[in-house]
Amino acid sequence: MIYRNSKRALIDNLTGMTKKQILHRTISIENLRGMTVNERLYACGLIDEFDKAIQSDKVLAKKILTHLLVDEASIELILNSKQ
């Protein structure tokens, strides 16, 4: 899987959950393509982590969205709308 190393880097930056919990939740990433961003965050149990990141760490928020296979244009819209 291409994203395995990137997921580990993402996991190292998240707080509030154990690394194992976050990895487990993002493993199913291939099955998320047909979902909305909120559905992807919910399905992976990352809504709270994302909400924290969007308020205090835009770089981390972008990493989360990238690992959930959100396209770059949508990521920019989401990040810019939360200012």
C-alpha atoms as a PDB file:
ATOM      1  CA  MET A   1       0.000   0.000   0.000  1.00  0.00           C
ATOM      2  CA  ILE A   2       1.443   3.356  -1.057  1.00  0.00           C
ATOM      3  CA  TYR A   3       0.133   5.269   1.936  1.00  0.00           C
ATOM      4  CA  ARG A   4       1.494   3.056   4.726  1.00  0.00           C
ATOM      5  CA  ASN A   5       4.575   5.231   5.480  1.00  0.00           C
ATOM      6  CA  SER A   6       2.557   8.425   5.107  1.00  0.00           C
ATOM      7  CA  LYS A   7      -0.041   7.063   7.508  1.00  0.00           C
ATOM      8  CA  ARG A   8       2.638   6.389  10.080  1.00  0.00           C
ATOM      9  CA  ALA A   9       3.855  10.000   9.761  1.00  0.00           C
ATOM     10  CA  LEU A  10       0.275  11.206  10.168  1.00  0.00           C
ATOM     11  CA  ILE A  11      -0.192   9.022  13.209  1.00  0.00           C
ATOM     12  CA  ASP A  12       2.938  10.452  14.820  1.00  0.00           C
ATOM     13  CA  ASN A  13       1.356  13.919  14.636  1.00  0.00           C
ATOM     14  CA  LEU A  14      -2.106  13.109  16.024  1.00  0.00           C
ATOM     15  CA  THR A  15      -2.999  13.388  19.684  1.00  0.00           C
ATOM     16  CA  GLY A  16      -5.770  11.985  21.807  1.00  0.00           C
ATOM     17  CA  MET A  17      -5.761   8.539  20.223  1.00  0.00           C
ATOM     18  CA  THR A  18      -3.120   5.847  20.304  1.00  0.00           C
ATOM     19  CA  LYS A  19      -1.070   5.255  17.189  1.00  0.00           C
ATOM     20  CA  LYS A  20      -2.554   1.787  16.872  1.00  0.00           C
ATOM     21  CA  GLN A  21      -6.129   3.128  17.024  1.00  0.00           C
ATOM     22  CA  ILE A  22      -5.512   5.707  14.323  1.00  0.00           C
ATOM     23  CA  LEU A  23      -3.685   3.255  12.061  1.00  0.00           C
ATOM     24  CA  HIS A  24      -6.526   0.768  12.444  1.00  0.00           C
ATOM     25  CA  ARG A  25      -9.072   3.420  11.507  1.00  0.00           C
ATOM     26  CA  THR A  26      -7.212   4.611   8.411  1.00  0.00           C
ATOM     27  CA  ILE A  27      -6.372   1.137   7.090  1.00  0.00           C
ATOM     28  CA  SER A  28      -9.742   0.992   5.321  1.00  0.00           C
ATOM     29  CA  ILE A  29      -8.885   4.025   3.208  1.00  0.00           C
ATOM     30  CA  GLU A  30      -9.470   2.206  -0.104  1.00  0.00           C
ATOM     31  CA  ASN A  31     -13.142   1.791   0.778  1.00  0.00           C
ATOM     32  CA  LEU A  32     -13.680   5.498   1.409  1.00  0.00           C
ATOM     33  CA  ARG A  33     -13.549   6.874  -2.151  1.00  0.00           C
ATOM     34  CA  GLY A  34     -17.341   7.012  -2.580  1.00  0.00           C
ATOM     35  CA  MET A  35     -17.906   8.903   0.678  1.00  0.00           C
ATOM     36  CA  THR A  36     -18.094  12.605   1.467  1.00  0.00           C
ATOM     37  CA  VAL A  37     -15.317  14.152   3.538  1.00  0.00           C
ATOM     38  CA  ASN A  38     -17.458  14.087   6.678  1.00  0.00           C
ATOM     39  CA  GLU A  39     -18.345  10.446   6.065  1.00  0.00           C
ATOM     40  CA  ARG A  40     -14.654   9.591   5.643  1.00  0.00           C
ATOM     41  CA  LEU A  41     -13.742  11.375   8.873  1.00  0.00           C
ATOM     42  CA  TYR A  42     -16.616   9.690  10.701  1.00  0.00           C
ATOM     43  CA  ALA A  43     -15.861   6.232   9.281  1.00  0.00           C
ATOM     44  CA  CYS A  44     -12.252   6.515  10.442  1.00  0.00           C
ATOM     45  CA  GLY A  45     -13.195   8.000  13.806  1.00  0.00           C
ATOM     46  CA  LEU A  46     -11.166  11.111  13.070  1.00  0.00           C
ATOM     47  CA  ILE A  47     -13.807  13.829  13.331  1.00  0.00           C
ATOM     48  CA  ASP A  48     -12.640  15.047  16.750  1.00  0.00           C
ATOM     49  CA  GLU A  49      -8.973  14.905  15.737  1.00  0.00           C
ATOM     50  CA  PHE A  50      -9.743  16.825  12.550  1.00  0.00           C
ATOM     51  CA  ASP A  51     -11.818  19.428  14.408  1.00  0.00           C
ATOM     52  CA  LYS A  52      -8.893  20.036  16.771  1.00  0.00           C
ATOM     53  CA  ALA A  53      -6.434  20.236  13.892  1.00  0.00           C
ATOM     54  CA  ILE A  54      -8.533  22.591  11.760  1.00  0.00           C
ATOM     55  CA  GLN A  55      -8.597  25.071  14.670  1.00  0.00           C
ATOM     56  CA  SER A  56      -4.949  24.906  15.683  1.00  0.00           C
ATOM     57  CA  ASP A  57      -2.829  23.110  13.078  1.00  0.00           C
ATOM     58  CA  LYS A  58      -3.791  23.556   9.405  1.00  0.00           C
ATOM     59  CA  VAL A  59      -0.792  21.480   8.295  1.00  0.00           C
ATOM     60  CA  LEU A  60      -2.048  18.517  10.301  1.00  0.00           C
ATOM     61  CA  ALA A  61      -5.602  19.074   9.071  1.00  0.00           C
ATOM     62  CA  LYS A  62      -4.315  18.973   5.497  1.00  0.00           C
ATOM     63  CA  LYS A  63      -2.397  15.749   6.213  1.00  0.00           C
ATOM     64  CA  ILE A  64      -5.530  14.101   7.575  1.00  0.00           C
ATOM     65  CA  LEU A  65      -7.542  15.070   4.493  1.00  0.00           C
ATOM     66  CA  THR A  66      -4.746  13.972   2.171  1.00  0.00           C
ATOM     67  CA  HIS A  67      -4.585  10.558   3.821  1.00  0.00           C
ATOM     68  CA  LEU A  68      -8.334  10.245   3.414  1.00  0.00           C
ATOM     69  CA  LEU A  69      -7.804  10.756  -0.343  1.00  0.00           C
ATOM     70  CA  VAL A  70      -9.575  14.109  -0.470  1.00  0.00           C
ATOM     71  CA  ASP A  71      -8.613  15.934  -3.674  1.00  0.00           C
ATOM     72  CA  GLU A  72      -6.359  18.983  -3.441  1.00  0.00           C
ATOM     73  CA  ALA A  73      -9.008  21.478  -4.622  1.00  0.00           C
ATOM     74  CA  SER A  74     -11.426  20.302  -1.923  1.00  0.00           C
ATOM     75  CA  ILE A  75      -8.708  20.414   0.726  1.00  0.00           C
ATOM     76  CA  GLU A  76      -7.957  24.031  -0.118  1.00  0.00           C
ATOM     77  CA  LEU A  77     -11.660  24.935   0.001  1.00  0.00           C
ATOM     78  CA  ILE A  78     -12.075  23.256   3.384  1.00  0.00           C
ATOM     79  CA  LEU A  79      -8.974  24.856   4.886  1.00  0.00           C
ATOM     80  CA  ASN A  80      -9.782  28.306   3.537  1.00  0.00           C
ATOM     81  CA  SER A  81     -13.399  28.168   4.707  1.00  0.00           C
ATOM     82  CA  LYS A  82     -12.311  27.479   8.298  1.00  0.00           C
ATOM     83  CA  GLN A  83     -10.315  30.709   8.741  1.00  0.00           C
END
